[in-house]
């Protein structure tokens, strides 16, 4: 997963890419650190484009994307959010949703 540094990069990905996953974490979040490799494994196996951000580094994204807790996984397809999981990520469901997009 590649790190996005600002909100403009997120908007560009939404406009430019047909589909992708956005993983949102926070510093000092132990669940985020445990879940990120699991999400990475799924996207790598599916060859699915994925990016991550640290919510504390991009406060504009927190408000614009309605991020109330972390970790958050958001799937975008054709410029729209089509699936979101927050706090407790169901990896089986996430894999299923990615397969639906592909």
Protein backbone atom coordinates (compact mmCIF):
# COMPACT_ATOMS: atom_id res chain seq x y z
CA UNK A 1 0.00 0.00 0.00
CA UNK A 2 1.20 3.46 -0.85
CA UNK A 3 0.85 6.36 1.55
CA UNK A 4 -1.11 9.42 0.51
CA UNK A 5 0.19 12.65 2.01
CA UNK A 6 -2.72 15.08 1.58
CA UNK A 7 -6.43 15.36 0.84
CA UNK A 8 -5.81 16.49 -2.74
CA UNK A 9 -4.09 13.17 -3.47
CA UNK A 10 -7.15 11.32 -2.15
CA UNK A 11 -9.44 13.38 -4.40
CA UNK A 12 -7.18 12.69 -7.39
CA UNK A 13 -7.33 8.94 -6.75
CA UNK A 14 -11.13 9.09 -6.52
CA UNK A 15 -11.29 10.90 -9.88
CA UNK A 16 -8.57 9.00 -11.73
CA UNK A 17 -8.76 5.38 -10.59
CA UNK A 18 -11.61 3.07 -11.51
CA UNK A 19 -11.40 1.40 -8.11
CA UNK A 20 -9.16 1.31 -5.05
CA UNK A 21 -9.07 0.72 -1.31
CA UNK A 22 -8.27 3.41 1.24
CA UNK A 23 -7.02 2.30 4.66
CA UNK A 24 -7.17 4.89 7.43
CA UNK A 25 -5.15 4.49 10.61
CA UNK A 26 -3.79 6.62 13.41
CA UNK A 27 -0.50 6.76 15.29
CA UNK A 28 -0.49 4.72 18.51
CA UNK A 29 -3.43 2.56 17.35
CA UNK A 30 -2.52 -1.05 18.09
CA UNK A 31 -5.54 -2.44 16.19
CA UNK A 32 -4.52 -0.39 13.14
CA UNK A 33 -1.02 -1.86 13.26
CA UNK A 34 -2.37 -5.42 13.49
CA UNK A 35 -5.03 -4.99 10.78
CA UNK A 36 -2.89 -3.23 8.17
CA UNK A 37 -0.81 -6.32 7.21
CA UNK A 38 -4.01 -8.37 6.90
CA UNK A 39 -5.56 -5.80 4.57
CA UNK A 40 -2.30 -5.59 2.63
CA UNK A 41 -2.28 -9.36 2.16
CA UNK A 42 -5.82 -9.30 0.73
CA UNK A 43 -5.12 -6.46 -1.72
CA UNK A 44 -1.83 -8.02 -2.81
CA UNK A 45 -3.46 -11.40 -3.45
CA UNK A 46 -6.23 -9.71 -5.47
CA UNK A 47 -3.81 -7.29 -7.20
CA UNK A 48 -6.12 -4.50 -6.02
CA UNK A 49 -4.84 -0.90 -5.82
CA UNK A 50 -4.64 0.31 -2.23
CA UNK A 51 -3.52 3.39 -0.35
CA UNK A 52 -3.34 4.42 3.28
CA UNK A 53 -3.41 7.60 5.29
CA UNK A 54 -2.75 8.56 8.88
CA UNK A 55 -5.86 10.44 10.03
CA UNK A 56 -3.86 12.71 12.33
CA UNK A 57 -1.75 13.91 9.38
CA UNK A 58 -4.70 14.84 7.12
CA UNK A 59 -7.40 16.45 9.32
CA UNK A 60 -9.31 17.62 6.24
CA UNK A 61 -9.86 13.98 5.22
CA UNK A 62 -11.26 13.20 8.67
CA UNK A 63 -14.08 15.70 8.17
CA UNK A 64 -14.68 15.22 4.46
CA UNK A 65 -14.76 11.40 4.65
CA UNK A 66 -16.65 11.27 7.99
CA UNK A 67 -13.95 9.30 9.78
CA UNK A 68 -15.09 8.86 13.38
CA UNK A 69 -12.90 5.96 14.45
CA UNK A 70 -9.96 3.93 13.22
CA UNK A 71 -9.08 1.67 11.54
CA UNK A 72 -11.31 2.34 8.55
CA UNK A 73 -11.34 0.58 5.19
CA UNK A 74 -13.16 2.31 2.33
CA UNK A 75 -13.64 0.85 -1.14
CA UNK A 76 -14.13 3.31 -3.98
CA UNK A 77 -15.53 2.34 -7.38
CA UNK A 78 -16.03 4.74 -10.28
CA UNK A 79 -15.61 7.79 -8.04
CA UNK A 80 -17.99 6.65 -5.31
CA UNK A 81 -17.65 5.01 -1.95
CA UNK A 82 -19.28 1.59 -2.20
CA UNK A 83 -18.18 -0.15 1.00
CA UNK A 84 -16.88 0.92 4.41
CA UNK A 85 -15.83 -0.92 7.53
CA UNK A 86 -14.71 0.81 10.70
CA UNK A 87 -13.19 -0.33 13.98
CA UNK A 88 -13.82 -4.06 13.53
CA UNK A 89 -12.88 -5.21 10.05
CA UNK A 90 -14.46 -8.39 8.70
CA UNK A 91 -11.68 -9.61 6.39
CA UNK A 92 -13.88 -12.25 4.75
CA UNK A 93 -16.44 -9.58 3.86
CA UNK A 94 -13.71 -7.26 2.63
CA UNK A 95 -12.27 -9.96 0.37
CA UNK A 96 -15.77 -10.72 -0.96
CA UNK A 97 -16.41 -7.03 -1.78
CA UNK A 98 -13.07 -6.74 -3.57
CA UNK A 99 -13.89 -9.84 -5.63
CA UNK A 100 -17.24 -8.28 -6.57
CA UNK A 101 -15.47 -5.20 -7.92
CA UNK A 102 -12.90 -7.16 -9.89
